[in-house]
Amino acid sequence: MGRENGAFVESGDVKLKAFNKKIESQLGANVAYIDMVKLLPTREQELWSFDRCHLVGAGYEKMRRALAKPLAK
């Protein structure tokens, strides 16, 4: 656990994408969905903790800026 290139990291990435896809598929007409993995790709390792599911400080800052466009619509 905690290795940047370990199986745990890859597993977290796969699970996060599957979870987001499930949420998106269950949305109703009055719900907006923003796929955060598209805004903050997990390949940008400096934004994510070792599990690639939780952000670090720099990731939250980039998320704040990245959400500005979709939320303004």
N, C-alpha and C. Protein backbone atom coordinates (compact mmCIF):
# COMPACT_ATOMS: atom_id res chain seq x y z
N MET A 1 0.83 -1.19 0.00
CA MET A 1 0.00 0.00 0.00
C MET A 1 0.87 1.25 0.00
N GLY A 2 0.40 2.25 -0.70
CA GLY A 2 1.09 3.51 -0.66
C GLY A 2 2.16 3.68 -1.72
N ARG A 3 2.43 2.66 -2.49
CA ARG A 3 3.43 2.78 -3.54
C ARG A 3 2.81 3.46 -4.74
N GLU A 4 3.53 4.37 -5.36
CA GLU A 4 3.01 5.10 -6.51
C GLU A 4 2.65 4.18 -7.68
N ASN A 5 3.43 3.16 -7.91
CA ASN A 5 3.19 2.28 -9.05
C ASN A 5 2.66 0.91 -8.63
N GLY A 6 2.18 0.80 -7.40
CA GLY A 6 1.71 -0.48 -6.90
C GLY A 6 0.31 -0.81 -7.39
N ALA A 7 -0.09 -2.06 -7.19
CA ALA A 7 -1.40 -2.53 -7.62
C ALA A 7 -2.52 -1.78 -6.93
N PHE A 8 -2.30 -1.37 -5.68
CA PHE A 8 -3.34 -0.66 -4.93
C PHE A 8 -3.71 0.64 -5.64
N VAL A 9 -2.74 1.36 -6.17
CA VAL A 9 -2.99 2.61 -6.88
C VAL A 9 -3.82 2.36 -8.12
N GLU A 10 -3.43 1.38 -8.92
CA GLU A 10 -4.17 1.06 -10.14
C GLU A 10 -5.59 0.62 -9.80
N SER A 11 -5.76 -0.14 -8.77
CA SER A 11 -7.07 -0.61 -8.35
C SER A 11 -7.96 0.56 -7.97
N GLY A 12 -7.39 1.54 -7.26
CA GLY A 12 -8.15 2.73 -6.88
C GLY A 12 -8.63 3.50 -8.08
N ASP A 13 -7.80 3.62 -9.10
CA ASP A 13 -8.14 4.33 -10.32
C ASP A 13 -9.30 3.65 -11.04
N VAL A 14 -9.24 2.34 -11.17
CA VAL A 14 -10.29 1.57 -11.84
C VAL A 14 -11.60 1.68 -11.07
N LYS A 15 -11.53 1.56 -9.76
CA LYS A 15 -12.73 1.63 -8.93
C LYS A 15 -13.36 3.02 -8.98
N LEU A 16 -12.55 4.06 -9.00
CA LEU A 16 -13.07 5.43 -9.06
C LEU A 16 -13.81 5.66 -10.37
N LYS A 17 -13.25 5.22 -11.48
CA LYS A 17 -13.90 5.38 -12.78
C LYS A 17 -15.21 4.59 -12.84
N ALA A 18 -15.22 3.37 -12.31
CA ALA A 18 -16.44 2.55 -12.30
C ALA A 18 -17.52 3.18 -11.43
N PHE A 19 -17.12 3.72 -10.29
CA PHE A 19 -18.06 4.37 -9.38
C PHE A 19 -18.69 5.60 -10.05
N ASN A 20 -17.87 6.41 -10.70
CA ASN A 20 -18.39 7.59 -11.40
C ASN A 20 -19.35 7.21 -12.53
N LYS A 21 -19.02 6.16 -13.25
CA LYS A 21 -19.90 5.72 -14.35
C LYS A 21 -21.25 5.25 -13.80
N LYS A 22 -21.24 4.56 -12.67
CA LYS A 22 -22.48 4.09 -12.06
C LYS A 22 -23.34 5.27 -11.62
N ILE A 23 -22.73 6.27 -10.99
CA ILE A 23 -23.48 7.46 -10.57
C ILE A 23 -24.11 8.14 -11.79
N GLU A 24 -23.31 8.34 -12.81
CA GLU A 24 -23.80 9.03 -14.02
C GLU A 24 -24.97 8.29 -14.65
N SER A 25 -24.95 6.97 -14.64
CA SER A 25 -26.01 6.18 -15.27
C SER A 25 -27.33 6.23 -14.50
N GLN A 26 -27.28 6.65 -13.23
CA GLN A 26 -28.48 6.66 -12.40
C GLN A 26 -29.06 8.05 -12.18
N LEU A 27 -28.59 9.02 -12.93
CA LEU A 27 -29.06 10.39 -12.73
C LEU A 27 -30.43 10.62 -13.34
N GLY A 28 -31.18 11.49 -12.72
CA GLY A 28 -32.46 11.92 -13.25
C GLY A 28 -32.30 13.18 -14.07
N ALA A 29 -33.40 13.68 -14.62
CA ALA A 29 -33.36 14.85 -15.50
C ALA A 29 -32.98 16.14 -14.76
N ASN A 30 -33.23 16.21 -13.47
CA ASN A 30 -32.98 17.44 -12.73
C ASN A 30 -31.67 17.44 -11.95
N VAL A 31 -30.75 16.58 -12.35
CA VAL A 31 -29.48 16.47 -11.65
C VAL A 31 -28.34 16.72 -12.62
N ALA A 32 -27.41 17.56 -12.22
CA ALA A 32 -26.21 17.80 -13.03
C ALA A 32 -25.10 16.87 -12.53
N TYR A 33 -24.28 16.41 -13.43
CA TYR A 33 -23.18 15.52 -13.06
C TYR A 33 -21.90 16.06 -13.67
N ILE A 34 -20.87 16.18 -12.87
CA ILE A 34 -19.56 16.60 -13.35
C ILE A 34 -18.58 15.49 -13.02
N ASP A 35 -18.00 14.90 -14.04
CA ASP A 35 -17.04 13.81 -13.84
C ASP A 35 -15.69 14.42 -13.45
N MET A 36 -15.36 14.31 -12.20
CA MET A 36 -14.12 14.91 -11.71
C MET A 36 -12.87 14.25 -12.27
N VAL A 37 -12.96 13.00 -12.66
CA VAL A 37 -11.79 12.33 -13.24
C VAL A 37 -11.43 12.96 -14.58
N LYS A 38 -12.45 13.45 -15.30
CA LYS A 38 -12.17 14.14 -16.56
C LYS A 38 -11.54 15.51 -16.31
N LEU A 39 -11.95 16.18 -15.24
CA LEU A 39 -11.37 17.48 -14.90
C LEU A 39 -10.00 17.37 -14.27
N LEU A 40 -9.80 16.33 -13.48
CA LEU A 40 -8.54 16.12 -12.77
C LEU A 40 -8.06 14.69 -13.00
N PRO A 41 -7.46 14.42 -14.16
CA PRO A 41 -7.04 13.05 -14.47
C PRO A 41 -6.10 12.47 -13.41
N THR A 42 -6.29 11.21 -13.12
CA THR A 42 -5.45 10.56 -12.10
C THR A 42 -4.00 10.44 -12.55
N ARG A 43 -3.72 10.60 -13.82
CA ARG A 43 -2.33 10.55 -14.28
C ARG A 43 -1.53 11.76 -13.79
N GLU A 44 -2.22 12.83 -13.38
CA GLU A 44 -1.55 13.98 -12.78
C GLU A 44 -1.30 13.65 -11.31
N GLN A 45 -0.30 12.82 -11.08
CA GLN A 45 -0.05 12.22 -9.77
C GLN A 45 0.14 13.23 -8.66
N GLU A 46 0.66 14.41 -8.98
CA GLU A 46 0.92 15.40 -7.93
C GLU A 46 -0.36 15.95 -7.30
N LEU A 47 -1.51 15.69 -7.92
CA LEU A 47 -2.80 16.18 -7.41
C LEU A 47 -3.47 15.19 -6.47
N TRP A 48 -3.03 13.94 -6.51
CA TRP A 48 -3.73 12.85 -5.83
C TRP A 48 -2.89 12.23 -4.72
N SER A 49 -3.58 11.70 -3.72
CA SER A 49 -2.89 10.91 -2.69
C SER A 49 -2.52 9.56 -3.31
N PHE A 50 -1.85 8.73 -2.57
CA PHE A 50 -1.37 7.45 -3.11
C PHE A 50 -2.49 6.56 -3.63
N ASP A 51 -3.71 6.70 -3.13
CA ASP A 51 -4.80 5.82 -3.57
C ASP A 51 -5.50 6.32 -4.83
N ARG A 52 -5.14 7.50 -5.30
CA ARG A 52 -5.72 8.14 -6.48
C ARG A 52 -7.24 8.28 -6.39
N CYS A 53 -7.72 8.31 -5.19
CA CYS A 53 -9.15 8.52 -4.95
C CYS A 53 -9.35 9.83 -4.19
N HIS A 54 -8.37 10.22 -3.40
CA HIS A 54 -8.45 11.43 -2.58
C HIS A 54 -7.42 12.45 -3.07
N LEU A 55 -7.81 13.70 -3.09
CA LEU A 55 -6.92 14.77 -3.52
C LEU A 55 -6.01 15.24 -2.39
N VAL A 56 -4.89 15.86 -2.79
CA VAL A 56 -4.02 16.56 -1.84
C VAL A 56 -4.31 18.05 -2.02
N GLY A 57 -3.65 18.92 -1.27
CA GLY A 57 -3.93 20.36 -1.32
C GLY A 57 -3.90 20.94 -2.72
N ALA A 58 -2.88 20.63 -3.51
CA ALA A 58 -2.78 21.15 -4.87
C ALA A 58 -3.94 20.66 -5.73
N GLY A 59 -4.40 19.44 -5.46
CA GLY A 59 -5.53 18.89 -6.21
C GLY A 59 -6.82 19.63 -5.92
N TYR A 60 -7.04 19.97 -4.66
CA TYR A 60 -8.24 20.73 -4.31
C TYR A 60 -8.21 22.13 -4.92
N GLU A 61 -7.05 22.72 -5.00
CA GLU A 61 -6.93 24.05 -5.62
C GLU A 61 -7.25 23.97 -7.11
N LYS A 62 -6.71 22.96 -7.78
CA LYS A 62 -7.00 22.79 -9.21
C LYS A 62 -8.48 22.45 -9.41
N MET A 63 -9.05 21.66 -8.51
CA MET A 63 -10.47 21.31 -8.62
C MET A 63 -11.33 22.57 -8.52
N ARG A 64 -10.98 23.45 -7.60
CA ARG A 64 -11.73 24.69 -7.42
C ARG A 64 -11.76 25.48 -8.73
N ARG A 65 -10.61 25.60 -9.37
CA ARG A 65 -10.53 26.34 -10.64
C ARG A 65 -11.23 25.59 -11.77
N ALA A 66 -11.10 24.27 -11.79
CA ALA A 66 -11.69 23.46 -12.87
C ALA A 66 -13.22 23.45 -12.80
N LEU A 67 -13.78 23.55 -11.61
CA LEU A 67 -15.24 23.55 -11.45
C LEU A 67 -15.90 24.86 -11.84
N ALA A 68 -15.13 25.92 -11.93
CA ALA A 68 -15.69 27.23 -12.23
C ALA A 68 -16.49 27.24 -13.55
N LYS A 69 -15.95 26.65 -14.61
CA LYS A 69 -16.64 26.64 -15.91
C LYS A 69 -17.94 25.84 -15.88
N PRO A 70 -17.92 24.58 -15.46
CA PRO A 70 -19.18 23.82 -15.46
C PRO A 70 -20.24 24.40 -14.52
N LEU A 71 -19.84 24.96 -13.41
CA LEU A 71 -20.80 25.50 -12.47
C LEU A 71 -21.39 26.83 -12.95
N ALA A 72 -20.67 27.53 -13.81
CA ALA A 72 -21.16 28.80 -14.34
C ALA A 72 -22.27 28.60 -15.38
N LYS A 73 -22.36 27.39 -15.93
CA LYS A 73 -23.37 27.11 -16.98
C LYS A 73 -24.74 27.06 -16.44
